[in-house]
Protein backbone atom coordinates (compact mmCIF):
# COMPACT_ATOMS: atom_id res chain seq x y z
CA UNK A 1 56.25 78.76 85.90
CA UNK A 2 53.94 76.38 84.96
CA UNK A 3 53.69 73.27 86.60
CA UNK A 4 52.93 69.81 83.83
CA UNK A 5 50.50 67.79 85.34
CA UNK A 6 52.16 64.43 84.85
CA UNK A 7 54.84 66.08 87.57
CA UNK A 8 52.89 63.55 89.96
CA UNK A 9 55.93 62.54 92.07
CA UNK A 10 54.83 63.73 95.21
CA UNK A 11 51.27 63.27 95.03
CA UNK A 12 52.18 59.24 94.75
CA UNK A 13 53.93 59.38 97.57
CA UNK A 14 51.17 59.39 99.86
CA UNK A 15 50.77 57.15 102.31
CA UNK A 16 47.57 54.52 101.67
CA UNK A 17 47.41 52.65 104.39
CA UNK A 18 45.15 54.17 107.12
CA UNK A 19 42.01 52.82 107.56
CA UNK A 20 38.97 55.35 106.83
CA UNK A 21 37.40 56.38 109.48
CA UNK A 22 33.84 54.30 110.66
CA UNK A 23 32.79 57.75 111.98
CA UNK A 24 29.35 59.30 110.67
CA UNK A 25 29.91 61.04 107.21
CA UNK A 26 28.23 64.54 107.34
CA UNK A 27 26.51 65.70 104.31
CA UNK A 28 25.96 69.17 103.14
CA UNK A 29 24.00 70.37 100.28
CA UNK A 30 25.48 74.32 99.18
CA UNK A 31 24.17 75.94 96.39
CA UNK A 32 26.65 78.43 94.45
CA UNK A 33 26.44 81.18 91.35
CA UNK A 34 27.45 79.57 88.20
CA UNK A 35 30.47 81.73 85.60
CA UNK A 36 29.18 83.84 83.22
CA UNK A 37 29.95 82.45 79.74
CA UNK A 38 33.26 83.27 77.87
CA UNK A 39 33.86 82.60 74.01
CA UNK A 40 37.22 80.48 73.70
CA UNK A 41 39.19 80.17 70.55
CA UNK A 42 39.82 76.74 69.06
CA UNK A 43 41.19 77.44 65.48
CA UNK A 44 44.08 75.87 64.73
CA UNK A 45 46.22 74.15 62.12
CA UNK A 46 46.81 70.32 62.05
CA UNK A 47 50.26 68.59 62.00
CA UNK A 48 50.97 65.87 59.93
CA UNK A 49 49.83 62.39 60.65
CA UNK A 50 52.51 59.47 58.48
CA UNK A 51 51.26 56.83 56.71
CA UNK A 52 49.98 54.02 58.57
CA UNK A 53 52.24 51.29 59.27
CA UNK A 54 52.33 47.32 59.51
CA UNK A 55 55.02 46.88 62.23
CA UNK A 56 53.47 44.26 64.55
CA UNK A 57 53.52 45.37 68.37
CA UNK A 58 56.29 43.22 70.09
CA UNK A 59 54.28 42.02 73.34
CA UNK A 60 50.70 40.90 71.71
CA UNK A 61 51.01 37.22 73.11
CA UNK A 62 48.61 36.07 75.26
CA UNK A 63 51.27 34.89 77.37
CA UNK A 64 51.83 37.28 80.37
CA UNK A 65 54.91 38.65 80.90
CA UNK A 66 56.41 37.15 84.27
CA UNK A 67 57.04 39.96 86.61
CA UNK A 68 57.98 37.90 90.00
CA UNK A 69 54.52 39.03 91.39
CA UNK A 70 52.00 37.45 92.59
CA UNK A 71 48.66 37.98 90.23
CA UNK A 72 46.31 37.64 93.00
CA UNK A 73 46.24 37.71 97.17
CA UNK A 74 43.68 35.75 99.29
CA UNK A 75 41.58 37.47 100.55
CA UNK A 76 39.01 36.85 104.23
CA UNK A 77 35.71 36.64 103.85
CA UNK A 78 33.57 39.97 104.82
CA UNK A 79 31.40 39.04 107.37
CA UNK A 80 27.99 41.13 107.43
CA UNK A 81 24.89 40.53 108.02
CA UNK A 82 23.55 44.14 106.04
CA UNK A 83 23.88 44.40 102.89
CA UNK A 84 26.72 47.23 101.95
CA UNK A 85 24.19 49.03 99.58
CA UNK A 86 20.78 50.32 100.72
CA UNK A 87 18.37 48.41 98.74
CA UNK A 88 16.17 51.30 97.49
CA UNK A 89 19.03 53.66 95.93
CA UNK A 90 17.52 55.41 92.44
CA UNK A 91 18.93 57.12 89.26
CA UNK A 92 20.64 60.37 90.24
CA UNK A 93 18.49 62.74 88.41
CA UNK A 94 18.69 66.26 88.13
CA UNK A 95 15.38 65.85 90.27
CA UNK A 96 17.24 64.45 92.93
CA UNK A 97 20.52 65.62 93.08
CA UNK A 98 20.30 67.98 95.99
CA UNK A 99 19.36 64.68 98.24
CA UNK A 100 22.12 63.04 96.87
CA UNK A 101 24.54 61.35 100.66
CA UNK A 102 26.65 58.98 101.33
CA UNK A 103 25.74 55.61 101.42
CA UNK A 104 29.13 53.50 101.55
CA UNK A 105 32.96 53.98 101.99
CA UNK A 106 35.20 51.75 100.09
CA UNK A 107 37.72 49.58 102.84
CA UNK A 108 40.33 51.65 101.03
CA UNK A 109 41.86 54.96 101.06
CA UNK A 110 43.77 56.71 98.26
CA UNK A 111 42.78 55.83 94.72
CA UNK A 112 44.19 57.15 91.88
CA UNK A 113 41.44 55.77 89.56
CA UNK A 114 37.99 53.91 89.93
CA UNK A 115 35.45 52.27 87.45
CA UNK A 116 32.57 49.78 87.58
CA UNK A 117 31.57 47.01 85.99
CA UNK A 118 28.65 47.21 83.30
CA UNK A 119 26.48 45.52 85.41
CA UNK A 120 27.43 48.10 88.22
CA UNK A 121 27.82 44.85 90.60
CA UNK A 122 31.31 45.78 91.01
CA UNK A 123 33.42 48.62 91.35
CA UNK A 124 37.31 48.59 90.69
CA UNK A 125 39.86 50.89 91.83
CA UNK A 126 43.86 51.79 91.59
CA UNK A 127 45.16 52.38 94.64
CA UNK A 128 47.73 55.76 95.04
CA UNK A 129 51.49 53.87 96.64
CA UNK A 130 50.80 50.46 95.77
CA UNK A 131 50.61 49.55 92.27
CA UNK A 132 47.89 47.73 92.84
CA UNK A 133 44.27 47.17 91.43
CA UNK A 134 41.79 45.71 93.67
CA UNK A 135 37.78 44.80 93.25
CA UNK A 136 34.78 44.86 95.35
CA UNK A 137 30.95 43.43 95.59
CA UNK A 138 28.89 46.05 95.71
CA UNK A 139 26.30 44.20 96.98
CA UNK A 140 28.10 42.82 99.91
CA UNK A 141 30.87 45.13 100.32
CA UNK A 142 33.29 41.61 99.39
CA UNK A 143 36.90 42.40 98.69
CA UNK A 144 37.62 40.12 95.39
CA UNK A 145 40.75 40.82 94.07
CA UNK A 146 44.10 42.53 94.76
CA UNK A 147 45.38 42.65 91.14
CA UNK A 148 49.89 43.09 91.63
CA UNK A 149 51.47 42.86 88.15
CA UNK A 150 52.49 46.48 87.94
CA UNK A 151 55.72 47.32 88.79
CA UNK A 152 57.46 50.29 90.61
CA UNK A 153 57.61 53.34 89.37
CA UNK A 154 53.81 53.11 88.17
CA UNK A 155 50.53 55.00 89.07
CA UNK A 156 47.78 53.22 88.10
CA UNK A 157 46.10 55.81 85.64
CA UNK A 158 43.78 54.01 83.89
CA UNK A 159 40.54 51.40 84.65
CA UNK A 160 38.54 49.66 82.36
CA UNK A 161 35.85 46.56 82.26
CA UNK A 162 35.06 44.92 78.96
CA UNK A 163 31.81 45.54 77.16
CA UNK A 164 30.69 41.73 79.16
CA UNK A 165 32.57 42.61 82.35
CA UNK A 166 34.73 39.70 81.63
CA UNK A 167 37.76 41.32 81.58
CA UNK A 168 39.72 44.39 83.41
CA UNK A 169 41.84 46.85 81.33
CA UNK A 170 44.38 48.34 84.06
CA UNK A 171 47.00 50.92 83.15
CA UNK A 172 49.92 52.84 84.65
CA UNK A 173 52.25 55.41 83.82
CA UNK A 174 55.81 55.89 84.64
CA UNK A 175 59.25 56.28 82.39
CA UNK A 176 60.86 52.79 83.91
CA UNK A 177 58.95 49.58 82.77
CA UNK A 178 58.30 49.34 79.18
CA UNK A 179 56.77 46.02 79.46
CA UNK A 180 54.00 47.58 82.06
CA UNK A 181 51.69 49.90 80.32
CA UNK A 182 48.58 48.15 79.73
CA UNK A 183 47.48 44.58 81.37
CA UNK A 184 43.64 42.60 80.80
CA UNK A 185 43.07 41.10 83.52
CA UNK A 186 40.16 37.72 84.10
CA UNK A 187 37.58 39.06 86.49
CA UNK A 188 35.87 35.52 87.26
CA UNK A 189 39.82 34.34 88.59
CA UNK A 190 42.15 38.12 89.12
CA UNK A 191 44.57 36.15 86.64
CA UNK A 192 46.82 38.32 84.47
CA UNK A 193 45.40 37.44 80.62
CA UNK A 194 47.81 39.61 77.97
CA UNK A 195 49.99 42.67 78.79
CA UNK A 196 51.58 45.07 76.31
CA UNK A 197 54.42 46.91 75.76
CA UNK A 198 54.04 50.88 75.92
CA UNK A 199 53.96 54.03 77.86
CA UNK A 200 50.47 54.67 78.12
CA UNK A 201 47.60 52.58 77.02
CA UNK A 202 43.72 52.62 76.51
CA UNK A 203 41.41 49.84 74.88
CA UNK A 204 38.50 50.99 72.68
CA UNK A 205 34.78 51.23 73.70
CA UNK A 206 34.50 47.83 72.39
CA UNK A 207 37.65 46.39 73.07
CA UNK A 208 38.38 45.85 69.40
CA UNK A 209 41.24 47.93 69.60
CA UNK A 210 44.52 49.45 71.44
CA UNK A 211 45.65 52.60 71.51
CA UNK A 212 49.43 52.71 72.95
CA UNK A 213 52.29 55.19 72.80
CA UNK A 214 55.82 54.56 72.14
CA UNK A 215 58.88 56.12 72.80
CA UNK A 216 62.44 56.35 71.09
CA UNK A 217 65.32 58.09 71.30
CA UNK A 218 66.10 60.22 69.16
CA UNK A 219 62.95 59.36 67.45
CA UNK A 220 60.30 60.87 69.45
CA UNK A 221 56.63 59.73 70.28
CA UNK A 222 54.35 57.35 68.62
CA UNK A 223 50.38 56.07 69.02
CA UNK A 224 50.17 53.00 67.81
CA UNK A 225 46.50 51.73 67.36
CA UNK A 226 46.41 47.62 66.77
CA UNK A 227 43.99 44.41 66.82
CA UNK A 228 43.54 43.59 70.17
CA UNK A 229 42.79 40.60 69.85
CA UNK A 230 45.92 39.70 66.84
CA UNK A 231 48.55 42.26 67.85
CA UNK A 232 48.24 43.18 63.97
CA UNK A 233 48.79 47.59 63.88
CA UNK A 234 46.66 49.27 61.80
CA UNK A 235 47.84 52.98 62.23
CA UNK A 236 51.14 54.62 63.49
CA UNK A 237 50.31 57.75 64.09
CA UNK A 238 53.30 59.81 65.09
CA UNK A 239 53.02 62.83 67.48
CA UNK A 240 54.57 65.88 68.09
CA UNK A 241 55.46 65.48 72.27
CA UNK A 242 55.59 63.35 74.75
CA UNK A 243 51.77 62.14 74.97
CA UNK A 244 50.99 61.51 78.36
CA UNK A 245 47.09 60.18 78.24
CA UNK A 246 45.20 58.46 75.33
CA UNK A 247 41.42 58.25 75.46
CA UNK A 248 38.55 56.87 72.93
CA UNK A 249 35.61 59.03 72.43
CA UNK A 250 32.45 56.82 73.30
CA UNK A 251 32.04 55.36 69.99
CA UNK A 252 35.02 54.61 69.22
CA UNK A 253 35.19 56.73 66.03
CA UNK A 254 38.18 59.39 67.61
CA UNK A 255 41.24 58.34 69.68
CA UNK A 256 42.56 61.38 71.54
CA UNK A 257 46.34 62.20 72.79
CA UNK A 258 47.36 64.68 75.96
CA UNK A 259 50.70 66.49 75.09
CA UNK A 260 51.21 69.22 77.74
CA UNK A 261 53.67 72.02 77.23
CA UNK A 262 55.77 74.43 79.65
CA UNK A 263 54.10 76.65 77.37
CA UNK A 264 51.14 75.59 76.28
CA UNK A 265 49.16 72.31 75.92
CA UNK A 266 47.35 70.13 73.22
CA UNK A 267 44.67 67.50 73.24
CA UNK A 268 45.56 65.82 69.24
CA UNK A 269 41.83 64.33 67.64
CA UNK A 270 42.88 61.34 64.97
CA UNK A 271 39.82 59.32 63.28
CA UNK A 272 40.76 55.90 64.22
CA UNK A 273 39.62 54.75 60.48
CA UNK A 274 41.62 56.73 58.47
CA UNK A 275 44.50 57.58 60.91
CA UNK A 276 44.10 61.27 59.70
CA UNK A 277 44.59 63.83 62.68
CA UNK A 278 41.27 65.17 62.57
CA UNK A 279 41.62 68.27 65.05
CA UNK A 280 43.90 69.70 67.74
CA UNK A 281 42.80 71.54 70.66
CA UNK A 282 45.19 73.74 72.31
CA UNK A 283 44.93 74.84 76.16
CA UNK A 284 43.13 71.39 76.38
CA UNK A 285 44.20 70.11 79.91
CA UNK A 286 41.94 67.67 80.58
CA UNK A 287 38.21 66.29 79.28
CA UNK A 288 35.57 64.45 79.02
CA UNK A 289 32.66 63.15 76.60
CA UNK A 290 29.15 63.36 77.98
CA UNK A 291 28.03 59.09 76.95
CA UNK A 292 25.89 59.19 73.82
CA UNK A 293 29.19 61.88 71.92
CA UNK A 294 26.63 64.81 71.91
CA UNK A 295 28.66 67.04 74.45
CA UNK A 296 32.44 67.59 75.63
CA UNK A 297 33.35 69.19 79.00
CA UNK A 298 36.76 69.92 78.76
CA UNK A 299 39.36 72.01 81.09
CA UNK A 300 41.18 74.50 79.89
CA UNK A 301 44.27 75.89 81.05
CA UNK A 302 44.06 79.40 83.30
CA UNK A 303 47.82 79.74 83.66
CA UNK A 304 47.72 77.58 87.27
CA UNK A 305 49.27 75.04 88.14
CA UNK A 306 45.97 72.59 89.31
CA UNK A 307 43.30 74.87 88.04
CA UNK A 308 41.70 75.36 84.71
CA UNK A 309 38.24 76.64 83.65
CA UNK A 310 35.45 73.81 82.74
CA UNK A 311 34.21 74.38 78.88
CA UNK A 312 31.28 72.68 77.09
CA UNK A 313 31.64 72.01 73.67
CA UNK A 314 29.83 70.23 70.96
CA UNK A 315 31.37 66.61 70.67
CA UNK A 316 30.70 66.78 67.10
CA UNK A 317 32.39 69.55 65.44
CA UNK A 318 34.22 71.01 68.32
CA UNK A 319 32.43 74.23 68.31
CA UNK A 320 32.81 76.47 71.45
CA UNK A 321 28.87 76.79 73.59
CA UNK A 322 29.33 77.54 76.94
CA UNK A 323 31.58 78.17 79.82
CA UNK A 324 30.28 76.74 82.88
CA UNK A 325 32.95 77.74 85.73
CA UNK A 326 36.17 78.94 86.75
CA UNK A 327 38.98 77.52 89.09
CA UNK A 328 37.98 74.17 87.88
CA UNK A 329 40.49 71.19 89.22
CA UNK A 330 42.18 70.08 86.66
CA UNK A 331 44.97 67.75 88.00
CA UNK A 332 45.11 64.26 85.60
CA UNK A 333 42.62 62.25 87.94
CA UNK A 334 40.13 64.78 88.11
CA UNK A 335 38.46 65.18 84.93
CA UNK A 336 34.33 66.01 84.67
CA UNK A 337 32.27 63.01 84.77
CA UNK A 338 29.00 62.91 82.98
CA UNK A 339 26.15 60.60 84.80
CA UNK A 340 25.54 57.80 81.97
CA UNK A 341 22.12 59.58 80.80
CA UNK A 342 24.10 62.71 80.35
CA UNK A 343 22.06 64.35 82.36
CA UNK A 344 24.06 65.59 84.67
CA UNK A 345 27.72 66.74 84.73
CA UNK A 346 29.86 66.87 88.06
CA UNK A 347 32.86 68.54 88.72
CA UNK A 348 35.86 68.76 91.33
CA UNK A 349 36.20 72.61 92.71
CA UNK A 350 38.89 71.28 95.61
CA UNK A 351 36.59 71.56 98.51
CA UNK A 352 33.29 71.08 97.13
CA UNK A 353 31.72 69.00 93.71
CA UNK A 354 29.47 71.22 91.31
CA UNK A 355 26.36 69.23 89.39
CA UNK A 356 24.22 70.73 86.88
CA UNK A 357 22.24 69.75 84.57
CA UNK A 358 22.78 69.58 80.76
CA UNK A 359 19.49 71.05 79.00
CA UNK A 360 19.88 74.48 80.30
CA UNK A 361 23.57 73.86 81.64
CA UNK A 362 21.94 75.17 85.31
CA UNK A 363 23.69 74.65 88.29
CA UNK A 364 22.08 72.29 90.82
CA UNK A 365 23.88 71.57 93.59
CA UNK A 366 27.40 71.39 95.27
CA UNK A 367 28.80 68.41 97.61
CA UNK A 368 31.50 68.15 100.17
CA UNK A 369 34.83 67.58 99.77
CA UNK A 370 38.08 67.01 100.53
CA UNK A 371 40.80 67.43 97.75
CA UNK A 372 41.28 67.45 94.46
CA UNK A 373 38.17 65.02 93.39
CA UNK A 374 38.10 62.22 91.03
CA UNK A 375 34.90 61.59 90.09
CA UNK A 376 32.74 58.23 88.21
CA UNK A 377 29.52 57.24 87.82
CA UNK A 378 28.02 53.26 87.67
CA UNK A 379 26.43 52.58 84.30
CA UNK A 380 23.36 51.78 85.88
CA UNK A 381 23.40 55.78 87.62
CA UNK A 382 22.43 55.06 90.64
CA UNK A 383 25.85 56.20 92.10
CA UNK A 384 28.69 58.67 91.82
CA UNK A 385 31.88 58.33 93.82
CA UNK A 386 34.46 60.58 94.67
CA UNK A 387 37.73 60.00 95.84
CA UNK A 388 41.58 61.38 96.54
CA UNK A 389 44.79 60.06 96.11
CA UNK A 390 44.79 60.44 100.01
CA UNK A 391 41.49 60.11 101.56
CA UNK A 392 38.28 57.78 101.81
CA UNK A 393 36.39 56.81 98.30
CA UNK A 394 33.28 58.33 98.81
CA UNK A 395 29.81 56.37 97.43
CA UNK A 396 26.39 58.98 96.65
CA UNK A 397 23.72 57.38 96.32
CA UNK A 398 19.59 59.14 96.59
CA UNK A 399 17.58 57.17 98.15
CA UNK A 400 13.12 56.88 97.15
CA UNK A 401 11.51 58.17 99.51
């Protein structure tokens, strides 16, 4: 029987206390052949969407909910005479991906999600086994804050900085802490600003809206869109199944929810302005939009518990374009990643990461990996981060000659 992606308990118990090795990381560039395309059928029925509700969310006050945990921990200064990152890193492009090599390793093992500040000067990571979020300065490698607000048994599954970098949103997965789905932090002080109730949460790219799920006994699951500042509910969107992931499109015009099932997975996409269901994509288990919204790199179920088929779709019409590869990692934290300029796509294959250029979808290079690998590009395009639930958080870059 197929195992659902949310069954993460075994992964989450992995220990994260072992310090990363200081040995030199060996880099190998391996060239592989791309798979032949096969057409994917995506004509699906549209479930009904209920009318909007004006019922306010219960936990949108700016006063934080007390948890008995310190919001931050003091960090001793990092003494170093050398910069953490090389000064001559260049933007990652199809022309230089074969020259990528590890340029730094974060001093913490085991990440569930990684996000960069808009100026690419800080990086945040959710740490497996601790429910903590850590923020580092990338110029010095200094750990700035350890954010302690999420309650066991929760796993950090969502991180995003505000457009000005002054705030960080962290989301956690779990079913036993209903007031702990989404927390906003001040990135200058590490203080908790606000927390929202629900099961899962996400924030629109412009930080105008919050999307939160609510599951009530005998009433099913609802995806609630609300104003992030006032808390006023804009839409109540009824879901046919439990929601295990929420995300917005790059321009924020659509909100998507993943609803796995033993027999068939489903992603539903709603139009944010109207609250109407736009379309539903069956057998999708994960996806990423290109930054300009032109393409979608989607992982489709292939009957495996942790592998999928990587397909490219049109980001506006959702028309199938091409199948890039089979047996791509499809665990919840290993979605494909586009570079900020949209020219490079990366995806995890367990023991390696493959990179393609997006003009002709030509396979360019392969990077070594140790396990199912999460991926994140820095906004300035100079860093590709690879991370696993129990291994190193490695920063890759190409240096100017």
